[in-house]
Full PDB file with SEQRES, HELIX, SHEET, SSBOND, CRYST1, ORIGX, SCALE, CONECT and MASTER records, all heavy atoms in Angstrom:
SEQRES   1 A   38  VAL VAL LEU PHE LEU PRO LEU ALA ALA ALA THR GLY HIS          
SEQRES   2 A   38  LEU ARG VAL THR ILE LEU PHE ALA VAL ALA PRO VAL LEU          
SEQRES   3 A   38  MET LEU ALA SER LEU LEU MET ALA PRO MET GLU THR              
HELIX    1 AA1 PHE A    4  ALA A   10  1                                   7    
HELIX    2 AA2 VAL A   16  ALA A   29  1                                  14    
HELIX    3 AA3 MET A   33  GLU A   37  1                                   5    
CRYST1    1.000    1.000    1.000  90.00  90.00  90.00 P 1           1          
ORIGX1      1.000000  0.000000  0.000000        0.00000                         
ORIGX2      0.000000  1.000000  0.000000        0.00000                         
ORIGX3      0.000000  0.000000  1.000000        0.00000                         
SCALE1      1.000000  0.000000  0.000000        0.00000                         
SCALE2      0.000000  1.000000  0.000000        0.00000                         
SCALE3      0.000000  0.000000  1.000000        0.00000                         
ATOM      1  N   VAL A   1       2.613   5.964   9.603  1.00  0.00           N  
ATOM      2  CA  VAL A   1       2.067   5.867   8.241  1.00  0.00           C  
ATOM      3  C   VAL A   1       1.063   6.977   7.974  1.00  0.00           C  
ATOM      4  O   VAL A   1       1.045   7.572   6.887  1.00  0.00           O  
ATOM      5  CB  VAL A   1       1.414   4.477   8.029  1.00  0.00           C  
ATOM      6  CG1 VAL A   1       0.659   4.440   6.710  1.00  0.00           C  
ATOM      7  CG2 VAL A   1       2.474   3.393   8.051  1.00  0.00           C  
ATOM      8  N   VAL A   2       0.218   7.269   8.960  1.00  0.00           N  
ATOM      9  CA  VAL A   2      -0.781   8.317   8.777  1.00  0.00           C  
ATOM     10  C   VAL A   2      -0.125   9.675   8.528  1.00  0.00           C  
ATOM     11  O   VAL A   2      -0.655  10.506   7.782  1.00  0.00           O  
ATOM     12  CB  VAL A   2      -1.714   8.370  10.009  1.00  0.00           C  
ATOM     13  CG1 VAL A   2      -2.511   9.667  10.041  1.00  0.00           C  
ATOM     14  CG2 VAL A   2      -2.664   7.187   9.993  1.00  0.00           C  
ATOM     15  N   LEU A   3       1.053   9.915   9.109  1.00  0.00           N  
ATOM     16  CA  LEU A   3       1.757  11.181   8.887  1.00  0.00           C  
ATOM     17  C   LEU A   3       2.154  11.386   7.431  1.00  0.00           C  
ATOM     18  O   LEU A   3       2.356  12.528   6.992  1.00  0.00           O  
ATOM     19  CB  LEU A   3       3.012  11.235   9.774  1.00  0.00           C  
ATOM     20  CG  LEU A   3       2.829  11.695  11.211  1.00  0.00           C  
ATOM     21  CD1 LEU A   3       4.150  11.613  11.963  1.00  0.00           C  
ATOM     22  CD2 LEU A   3       2.276  13.121  11.259  1.00  0.00           C  
ATOM     23  N   PHE A   4       2.265  10.300   6.686  1.00  0.00           N  
ATOM     24  CA  PHE A   4       2.636  10.405   5.275  1.00  0.00           C  
ATOM     25  C   PHE A   4       1.534  11.091   4.460  1.00  0.00           C  
ATOM     26  O   PHE A   4       1.815  11.763   3.464  1.00  0.00           O  
ATOM     27  CB  PHE A   4       2.913   9.008   4.712  1.00  0.00           C  
ATOM     28  CG  PHE A   4       3.318   9.000   3.268  1.00  0.00           C  
ATOM     29  CD1 PHE A   4       4.580   9.393   2.878  1.00  0.00           C  
ATOM     30  CD2 PHE A   4       2.420   8.603   2.286  1.00  0.00           C  
ATOM     31  CE1 PHE A   4       4.952   9.394   1.550  1.00  0.00           C  
ATOM     32  CE2 PHE A   4       2.774   8.588   0.953  1.00  0.00           C  
ATOM     33  CZ  PHE A   4       4.058   8.986   0.581  1.00  0.00           C  
ATOM     34  N   LEU A   5       0.281  10.938   4.884  1.00  0.00           N  
ATOM     35  CA  LEU A   5      -0.841  11.478   4.117  1.00  0.00           C  
ATOM     36  C   LEU A   5      -0.908  13.003   4.131  1.00  0.00           C  
ATOM     37  O   LEU A   5      -1.088  13.614   3.079  1.00  0.00           O  
ATOM     38  CB  LEU A   5      -2.145  10.864   4.614  1.00  0.00           C  
ATOM     39  CG  LEU A   5      -2.259   9.353   4.366  1.00  0.00           C  
ATOM     40  CD1 LEU A   5      -3.492   8.789   5.055  1.00  0.00           C  
ATOM     41  CD2 LEU A   5      -2.299   9.059   2.879  1.00  0.00           C  
ATOM     42  N   PRO A   6      -0.765  13.681   5.289  1.00  0.00           N  
ATOM     43  CA  PRO A   6      -0.759  15.149   5.229  1.00  0.00           C  
ATOM     44  C   PRO A   6       0.434  15.702   4.457  1.00  0.00           C  
ATOM     45  O   PRO A   6       0.344  16.765   3.856  1.00  0.00           O  
ATOM     46  CB  PRO A   6      -0.709  15.571   6.708  1.00  0.00           C  
ATOM     47  CG  PRO A   6      -0.263  14.373   7.459  1.00  0.00           C  
ATOM     48  CD  PRO A   6      -0.761  13.201   6.673  1.00  0.00           C  
ATOM     49  N   LEU A   7       1.546  14.955   4.479  1.00  0.00           N  
ATOM     50  CA  LEU A   7       2.703  15.384   3.681  1.00  0.00           C  
ATOM     51  C   LEU A   7       2.363  15.355   2.201  1.00  0.00           C  
ATOM     52  O   LEU A   7       2.673  16.293   1.456  1.00  0.00           O  
ATOM     53  CB  LEU A   7       3.899  14.471   3.974  1.00  0.00           C  
ATOM     54  CG  LEU A   7       5.169  14.749   3.169  1.00  0.00           C  
ATOM     55  CD1 LEU A   7       5.688  16.152   3.467  1.00  0.00           C  
ATOM     56  CD2 LEU A   7       6.236  13.706   3.474  1.00  0.00           C  
ATOM     57  N   ALA A   8       1.692  14.286   1.761  1.00  0.00           N  
ATOM     58  CA  ALA A   8       1.285  14.188   0.360  1.00  0.00           C  
ATOM     59  C   ALA A   8       0.272  15.274   0.012  1.00  0.00           C  
ATOM     60  O   ALA A   8       0.319  15.864  -1.072  1.00  0.00           O  
ATOM     61  CB  ALA A   8       0.704  12.801   0.086  1.00  0.00           C  
ATOM     62  N   ALA A   9      -0.665  15.554   0.932  1.00  0.00           N  
ATOM     63  CA  ALA A   9      -1.668  16.593   0.683  1.00  0.00           C  
ATOM     64  C   ALA A   9      -1.025  17.970   0.608  1.00  0.00           C  
ATOM     65  O   ALA A   9      -1.362  18.783  -0.255  1.00  0.00           O  
ATOM     66  CB  ALA A   9      -2.732  16.560   1.775  1.00  0.00           C  
ATOM     67  N   ALA A  10      -0.071  18.237   1.511  1.00  0.00           N  
ATOM     68  CA  ALA A  10       0.572  19.558   1.550  1.00  0.00           C  
ATOM     69  C   ALA A  10       1.403  19.825   0.302  1.00  0.00           C  
ATOM     70  O   ALA A  10       1.545  20.975  -0.125  1.00  0.00           O  
ATOM     71  CB  ALA A  10       1.445  19.667   2.797  1.00  0.00           C  
ATOM     72  N   THR A  11       1.955  18.783  -0.297  1.00  0.00           N  
ATOM     73  CA  THR A  11       2.790  18.946  -1.496  1.00  0.00           C  
ATOM     74  C   THR A  11       2.013  18.763  -2.791  1.00  0.00           C  
ATOM     75  O   THR A  11       2.592  18.797  -3.873  1.00  0.00           O  
ATOM     76  CB  THR A  11       3.958  17.938  -1.455  1.00  0.00           C  
ATOM     77  OG1 THR A  11       3.436  16.605  -1.369  1.00  0.00           O  
ATOM     78  CG2 THR A  11       4.869  18.204  -0.269  1.00  0.00           C  
ATOM     79  N   GLY A  12       0.689  18.562  -2.657  1.00  0.00           N  
ATOM     80  CA  GLY A  12      -0.142  18.429  -3.843  1.00  0.00           C  
ATOM     81  C   GLY A  12      -0.052  17.082  -4.529  1.00  0.00           C  
ATOM     82  O   GLY A  12      -0.406  16.966  -5.707  1.00  0.00           O  
ATOM     83  N   HIS A  13       0.409  16.062  -3.823  1.00  0.00           N  
ATOM     84  CA  HIS A  13       0.569  14.739  -4.423  1.00  0.00           C  
ATOM     85  C   HIS A  13      -0.425  13.708  -3.899  1.00  0.00           C  
ATOM     86  O   HIS A  13      -0.255  12.505  -4.118  1.00  0.00           O  
ATOM     87  CB  HIS A  13       1.998  14.225  -4.185  1.00  0.00           C  
ATOM     88  CG  HIS A  13       3.049  14.986  -4.916  1.00  0.00           C  
ATOM     89  ND1 HIS A  13       3.703  16.079  -4.351  1.00  0.00           N  
ATOM     90  CD2 HIS A  13       3.560  14.840  -6.164  1.00  0.00           C  
ATOM     91  CE1 HIS A  13       4.573  16.547  -5.224  1.00  0.00           C  
ATOM     92  NE2 HIS A  13       4.515  15.821  -6.340  1.00  0.00           N  
ATOM     93  N   LEU A  14      -1.448  14.166  -3.185  1.00  0.00           N  
ATOM     94  CA  LEU A  14      -2.426  13.219  -2.651  1.00  0.00           C  
ATOM     95  C   LEU A  14      -3.330  12.738  -3.779  1.00  0.00           C  
ATOM     96  O   LEU A  14      -4.094  13.500  -4.363  1.00  0.00           O  
ATOM     97  CB  LEU A  14      -3.256  13.884  -1.548  1.00  0.00           C  
ATOM     98  CG  LEU A  14      -4.219  12.957  -0.801  1.00  0.00           C  
ATOM     99  CD1 LEU A  14      -3.469  11.810  -0.135  1.00  0.00           C  
ATOM    100  CD2 LEU A  14      -5.018  13.738   0.240  1.00  0.00           C  
ATOM    101  N   ARG A  15      -3.212  11.468  -4.091  1.00  0.00           N  
ATOM    102  CA  ARG A  15      -3.983  10.838  -5.154  1.00  0.00           C  
ATOM    103  C   ARG A  15      -4.651   9.571  -4.616  1.00  0.00           C  
ATOM    104  O   ARG A  15      -4.298   9.073  -3.546  1.00  0.00           O  
ATOM    105  CB  ARG A  15      -3.079  10.465  -6.338  1.00  0.00           C  
ATOM    106  CG  ARG A  15      -2.284  11.617  -6.926  1.00  0.00           C  
ATOM    107  CD  ARG A  15      -3.180  12.527  -7.779  1.00  0.00           C  
ATOM    108  NE  ARG A  15      -2.378  13.519  -8.481  1.00  0.00           N  
ATOM    109  CZ  ARG A  15      -2.024  14.698  -7.979  1.00  0.00           C  
ATOM    110  NH1 ARG A  15      -2.386  15.022  -6.737  1.00  0.00           N  
ATOM    111  NH2 ARG A  15      -1.315  15.551  -8.684  1.00  0.00           N  
ATOM    112  N   VAL A  16      -5.577   9.053  -5.391  1.00  0.00           N  
ATOM    113  CA  VAL A  16      -6.226   7.796  -5.008  1.00  0.00           C  
ATOM    114  C   VAL A  16      -5.193   6.686  -4.877  1.00  0.00           C  
ATOM    115  O   VAL A  16      -5.290   5.824  -3.996  1.00  0.00           O  
ATOM    116  CB  VAL A  16      -7.307   7.417  -6.043  1.00  0.00           C  
ATOM    117  CG1 VAL A  16      -7.817   5.992  -5.782  1.00  0.00           C  
ATOM    118  CG2 VAL A  16      -8.473   8.393  -5.977  1.00  0.00           C  
ATOM    119  N   THR A  17      -4.174   6.695  -5.744  1.00  0.00           N  
ATOM    120  CA  THR A  17      -3.141   5.656  -5.680  1.00  0.00           C  
ATOM    121  C   THR A  17      -2.379   5.697  -4.356  1.00  0.00           C  
ATOM    122  O   THR A  17      -1.966   4.654  -3.836  1.00  0.00           O  
ATOM    123  CB  THR A  17      -2.148   5.818  -6.842  1.00  0.00           C  
ATOM    124  OG1 THR A  17      -1.664   7.173  -6.880  1.00  0.00           O  
ATOM    125  CG2 THR A  17      -2.815   5.482  -8.171  1.00  0.00           C  
ATOM    126  N   ILE A  18      -2.187   6.902  -3.793  1.00  0.00           N  
ATOM    127  CA  ILE A  18      -1.520   7.028  -2.488  1.00  0.00           C  
ATOM    128  C   ILE A  18      -2.372   6.383  -1.401  1.00  0.00           C  
ATOM    129  O   ILE A  18      -1.874   5.678  -0.518  1.00  0.00           O  
ATOM    130  CB  ILE A  18      -1.265   8.507  -2.147  1.00  0.00           C  
ATOM    131  CG1 ILE A  18      -0.309   9.144  -3.171  1.00  0.00           C  
ATOM    132  CG2 ILE A  18      -0.704   8.645  -0.735  1.00  0.00           C  
ATOM    133  CD1 ILE A  18       1.092   8.605  -3.114  1.00  0.00           C  
ATOM    134  N   LEU A  19      -3.669   6.613  -1.460  1.00  0.00           N  
ATOM    135  CA  LEU A  19      -4.573   6.011  -0.485  1.00  0.00           C  
ATOM    136  C   LEU A  19      -4.518   4.488  -0.547  1.00  0.00           C  
ATOM    137  O   LEU A  19      -4.520   3.806   0.485  1.00  0.00           O  
ATOM    138  CB  LEU A  19      -6.008   6.489  -0.726  1.00  0.00           C  
ATOM    139  CG  LEU A  19      -6.265   7.997  -0.590  1.00  0.00           C  
ATOM    140  CD1 LEU A  19      -7.727   8.316  -0.904  1.00  0.00           C  
ATOM    141  CD2 LEU A  19      -5.911   8.492   0.805  1.00  0.00           C  
ATOM    142  N   PHE A  20      -4.457   3.958  -1.760  1.00  0.00           N  
ATOM    143  CA  PHE A  20      -4.393   2.500  -1.922  1.00  0.00           C  
ATOM    144  C   PHE A  20      -3.037   1.941  -1.485  1.00  0.00           C  
ATOM    145  O   PHE A  20      -2.935   0.764  -1.126  1.00  0.00           O  
ATOM    146  CB  PHE A  20      -4.680   2.111  -3.374  1.00  0.00           C  
ATOM    147  CG  PHE A  20      -6.144   1.987  -3.676  1.00  0.00           C  
ATOM    148  CD1 PHE A  20      -6.865   3.068  -4.145  1.00  0.00           C  
ATOM    149  CD2 PHE A  20      -6.807   0.783  -3.479  1.00  0.00           C  
ATOM    150  CE1 PHE A  20      -8.221   2.964  -4.412  1.00  0.00           C  
ATOM    151  CE2 PHE A  20      -8.161   0.659  -3.737  1.00  0.00           C  
ATOM    152  CZ  PHE A  20      -8.871   1.753  -4.209  1.00  0.00           C  
ATOM    153  N   ALA A  21      -2.000   2.761  -1.498  1.00  0.00           N  
ATOM    154  CA  ALA A  21      -0.686   2.308  -1.036  1.00  0.00           C  
ATOM    155  C   ALA A  21      -0.605   2.296   0.493  1.00  0.00           C  
ATOM    156  O   ALA A  21       0.021   1.409   1.089  1.00  0.00           O  
ATOM    157  CB  ALA A  21       0.410   3.213  -1.611  1.00  0.00           C  
ATOM    158  N   VAL A  22      -1.255   3.271   1.122  1.00  0.00           N  
ATOM    159  CA  VAL A  22      -1.200   3.401   2.576  1.00  0.00           C  
ATOM    160  C   VAL A  22      -2.153   2.419   3.266  1.00  0.00           C  
ATOM    161  O   VAL A  22      -1.843   1.877   4.333  1.00  0.00           O  
ATOM    162  CB  VAL A  22      -1.523   4.854   2.979  1.00  0.00           C  
ATOM    163  CG1 VAL A  22      -1.803   4.961   4.468  1.00  0.00           C  
ATOM    164  CG2 VAL A  22      -0.370   5.772   2.593  1.00  0.00           C  
ATOM    165  N   ALA A  23      -3.302   2.181   2.677  1.00  0.00           N  
ATOM    166  CA  ALA A  23      -4.340   1.360   3.313  1.00  0.00           C  
ATOM    167  C   ALA A  23      -3.855  -0.028   3.735  1.00  0.00           C  
ATOM    168  O   ALA A  23      -4.157  -0.468   4.851  1.00  0.00           O  
ATOM    169  CB  ALA A  23      -5.553   1.250   2.394  1.00  0.00           C  
ATOM    170  N   PRO A  24      -3.098  -0.772   2.910  1.00  0.00           N  
ATOM    171  CA  PRO A  24      -2.657  -2.109   3.347  1.00  0.00           C  
ATOM    172  C   PRO A  24      -1.753  -2.070   4.582  1.00  0.00           C  
ATOM    173  O   PRO A  24      -1.811  -2.976   5.415  1.00  0.00           O  
ATOM    174  CB  PRO A  24      -1.898  -2.650   2.126  1.00  0.00           C  
ATOM    175  CG  PRO A  24      -2.433  -1.897   0.971  1.00  0.00           C  
ATOM    176  CD  PRO A  24      -2.727  -0.531   1.504  1.00  0.00           C  
ATOM    177  N   VAL A  25      -0.917  -1.034   4.700  1.00  0.00           N  
ATOM    178  CA  VAL A  25      -0.033  -0.935   5.863  1.00  0.00           C  
ATOM    179  C   VAL A  25      -0.848  -0.694   7.131  1.00  0.00           C  
ATOM    180  O   VAL A  25      -0.621  -1.311   8.174  1.00  0.00           O  
ATOM    181  CB  VAL A  25       0.997   0.196   5.669  1.00  0.00           C  
ATOM    182  CG1 VAL A  25       1.945   0.257   6.860  1.00  0.00           C  
ATOM    183  CG2 VAL A  25       1.783  -0.021   4.380  1.00  0.00           C  
ATOM    184  N   LEU A  26      -1.823   0.210   7.048  1.00  0.00           N  
ATOM    185  CA  LEU A  26      -2.690   0.467   8.189  1.00  0.00           C  
ATOM    186  C   LEU A  26      -3.481  -0.778   8.562  1.00  0.00           C  
ATOM    187  O   LEU A  26      -3.675  -1.092   9.743  1.00  0.00           O  
ATOM    188  CB  LEU A  26      -3.644   1.615   7.872  1.00  0.00           C  
ATOM    189  CG  LEU A  26      -3.014   2.999   7.711  1.00  0.00           C  
ATOM    190  CD1 LEU A  26      -4.041   3.999   7.197  1.00  0.00           C  
ATOM    191  CD2 LEU A  26      -2.432   3.484   9.036  1.00  0.00           C  
ATOM    192  N   MET A  27      -3.917  -1.506   7.550  1.00  0.00           N  
ATOM    193  CA  MET A  27      -4.674  -2.726   7.791  1.00  0.00           C  
ATOM    194  C   MET A  27      -3.845  -3.765   8.528  1.00  0.00           C  
ATOM    195  O   MET A  27      -4.281  -4.366   9.518  1.00  0.00           O  
ATOM    196  CB  MET A  27      -5.169  -3.289   6.451  1.00  0.00           C  
ATOM    197  CG  MET A  27      -5.922  -4.604   6.537  1.00  0.00           C  
ATOM    198  SD  MET A  27      -4.850  -6.090   6.478  1.00  0.00           S  
ATOM    199  CE  MET A  27      -4.146  -5.916   4.841  1.00  0.00           C  
ATOM    200  N   LEU A  28      -2.610  -3.980   8.079  1.00  0.00           N  
ATOM    201  CA  LEU A  28      -1.745  -4.986   8.711  1.00  0.00           C  
ATOM    202  C   LEU A  28      -1.368  -4.582  10.133  1.00  0.00           C  
ATOM    203  O   LEU A  28      -1.266  -5.429  11.016  1.00  0.00           O  
ATOM    204  CB  LEU A  28      -0.484  -5.188   7.862  1.00  0.00           C  
ATOM    205  CG  LEU A  28      -0.687  -5.915   6.527  1.00  0.00           C  
ATOM    206  CD1 LEU A  28       0.594  -5.884   5.701  1.00  0.00           C  
ATOM    207  CD2 LEU A  28      -1.134  -7.357   6.760  1.00  0.00           C  
ATOM    208  N   ALA A  29      -1.172  -3.287  10.354  1.00  0.00           N  
ATOM    209  CA  ALA A  29      -0.790  -2.826  11.690  1.00  0.00           C  
ATOM    210  C   ALA A  29      -1.904  -3.018  12.708  1.00  0.00           C  
ATOM    211  O   ALA A  29      -1.655  -3.183  13.908  1.00  0.00           O  
ATOM    212  CB  ALA A  29      -0.389  -1.349  11.639  1.00  0.00           C  
ATOM    213  N   SER A  30      -3.154  -3.007  12.239  1.00  0.00           N  
ATOM    214  CA  SER A  30      -4.291  -3.167  13.154  1.00  0.00           C  
ATOM    215  C   SER A  30      -4.803  -4.607  13.202  1.00  0.00           C  
ATOM    216  O   SER A  30      -5.762  -4.897  13.911  1.00  0.00           O  
ATOM    217  CB  SER A  30      -5.439  -2.245  12.720  1.00  0.00           C  
ATOM    218  OG  SER A  30      -5.910  -2.600  11.437  1.00  0.00           O  
ATOM    219  N   LEU A  31      -4.133  -5.505  12.491  1.00  0.00           N  
ATOM    220  CA  LEU A  31      -4.623  -6.876  12.325  1.00  0.00           C  
ATOM    221  C   LEU A  31      -4.799  -7.618  13.640  1.00  0.00           C  
ATOM    222  O   LEU A  31      -5.743  -8.390  13.821  1.00  0.00           O  
ATOM    223  CB  LEU A  31      -3.657  -7.645  11.411  1.00  0.00           C  
ATOM    224  CG  LEU A  31      -3.989  -9.099  11.088  1.00  0.00           C  
ATOM    225  CD1 LEU A  31      -5.339  -9.197  10.397  1.00  0.00           C  
ATOM    226  CD2 LEU A  31      -2.904  -9.708  10.204  1.00  0.00           C  
ATOM    227  N   LEU A  32      -3.878  -7.408  14.583  1.00  0.00           N  
ATOM    228  CA  LEU A  32      -3.899  -8.178  15.824  1.00  0.00           C  
ATOM    229  C   LEU A  32      -4.842  -7.613  16.881  1.00  0.00           C  
ATOM    230  O   LEU A  32      -5.083  -8.267  17.903  1.00  0.00           O  
ATOM    231  CB  LEU A  32      -2.483  -8.243  16.419  1.00  0.00           C  
ATOM    232  CG  LEU A  32      -1.410  -8.920  15.570  1.00  0.00           C  
ATOM    233  CD1 LEU A  32      -0.068  -8.812  16.268  1.00  0.00           C  
ATOM    234  CD2 LEU A  32      -1.754 -10.375  15.319  1.00  0.00           C  
ATOM    235  N   MET A  33      -5.379  -6.418  16.659  1.00  0.00           N  
ATOM    236  CA  MET A  33      -6.118  -5.745  17.718  1.00  0.00           C  
ATOM    237  C   MET A  33      -7.413  -6.454  18.107  1.00  0.00           C  
ATOM    238  O   MET A  33      -7.750  -6.541  19.288  1.00  0.00           O  
ATOM    239  CB  MET A  33      -6.423  -4.302  17.318  1.00  0.00           C  
ATOM    240  CG  MET A  33      -5.186  -3.423  17.219  1.00  0.00           C  
ATOM    241  SD  MET A  33      -4.213  -3.354  18.756  1.00  0.00           S  
ATOM    242  CE  MET A  33      -5.362  -2.512  19.839  1.00  0.00           C  
ATOM    243  N   ALA A  34      -8.167  -6.978  17.140  1.00  0.00           N  
ATOM    244  CA  ALA A  34      -9.452  -7.607  17.461  1.00  0.00           C  
ATOM    245  C   ALA A  34      -9.297  -8.863  18.320  1.00  0.00           C  
ATOM    246  O   ALA A  34      -9.896  -8.959  19.397  1.00  0.00           O  
ATOM    247  CB  ALA A  34     -10.224  -7.909  16.180  1.00  0.00           C  
ATOM    248  N   PRO A  35      -8.482  -9.866  17.899  1.00  0.00           N  
ATOM    249  CA  PRO A  35      -8.323 -11.035  18.770  1.00  0.00           C  
ATOM    250  C   PRO A  35      -7.550 -10.714  20.050  1.00  0.00           C  
ATOM    251  O   PRO A  35      -7.699 -11.400  21.057  1.00  0.00           O  
ATOM    252  CB  PRO A  35      -7.544 -12.030  17.903  1.00  0.00           C  
ATOM    253  CG  PRO A  35      -6.835 -11.208  16.888  1.00  0.00           C  
ATOM    254  CD  PRO A  35      -7.768 -10.048  16.624  1.00  0.00           C  
ATOM    255  N   MET A  36      -6.738  -9.655  20.025  1.00  0.00           N  
ATOM    256  CA  MET A  36      -5.932  -9.324  21.199  1.00  0.00           C  
ATOM    257  C   MET A  36      -6.796  -8.881  22.376  1.00  0.00           C  
ATOM    258  O   MET A  36      -6.537  -9.241  23.516  1.00  0.00           O  
ATOM    259  CB  MET A  36      -4.930  -8.227  20.853  1.00  0.00           C  
ATOM    260  CG  MET A  36      -3.881  -8.016  21.941  1.00  0.00           C  
ATOM    261  SD  MET A  36      -2.747  -6.682  21.516  1.00  0.00           S  
ATOM    262  CE  MET A  36      -2.214  -7.160  19.897  1.00  0.00           C  
ATOM    263  N   GLU A  37      -7.857  -8.127  22.108  1.00  0.00           N  
ATOM    264  CA  GLU A  37      -8.712  -7.658  23.201  1.00  0.00           C  
ATOM    265  C   GLU A  37      -9.350  -8.832  23.925  1.00  0.00           C  
ATOM    266  O   GLU A  37      -9.399  -8.864  25.155  1.00  0.00           O  
ATOM    267  CB  GLU A  37      -9.789  -6.722  22.663  1.00  0.00           C  
ATOM    268  CG  GLU A  37     -10.722  -6.209  23.751  1.00  0.00           C  
ATOM    269  CD  GLU A  37     -11.744  -5.227  23.223  1.00  0.00           C  
ATOM    270  OE1 GLU A  37     -11.384  -4.392  22.388  1.00  0.00           O  
ATOM    271  OE2 GLU A  37     -12.913  -5.318  23.649  1.00  0.00           O  
ATOM    272  N   THR A  38      -9.828  -9.825  23.164  1.00  0.00           N  
ATOM    273  CA  THR A  38     -10.456 -10.992  23.775  1.00  0.00           C  
ATOM    274  C   THR A  38      -9.461 -11.768  24.622  1.00  0.00           C  
ATOM    275  O   THR A  38      -9.779 -12.252  25.711  1.00  0.00           O  
ATOM    276  CB  THR A  38     -11.033 -11.908  22.682  1.00  0.00           C  
ATOM    277  OG1 THR A  38     -12.014 -11.175  21.934  1.00  0.00           O  
ATOM    278  CG2 THR A  38     -11.689 -13.137  23.288  1.00  0.00           C  
TER     279      THR A  38                                                      
MASTER        0    0    0    3    0    0    0    6  278    1    0    3          
END                                                                             
């Protein structure tokens, strides 16, 4: 997912809306990490 952001920046399409679209995916992917360590 993070690789999508430099692609958007390189093509001049990086907008606030792109950040809001990517953020939920990153959030869900990291959801299990906190309880998993314990």
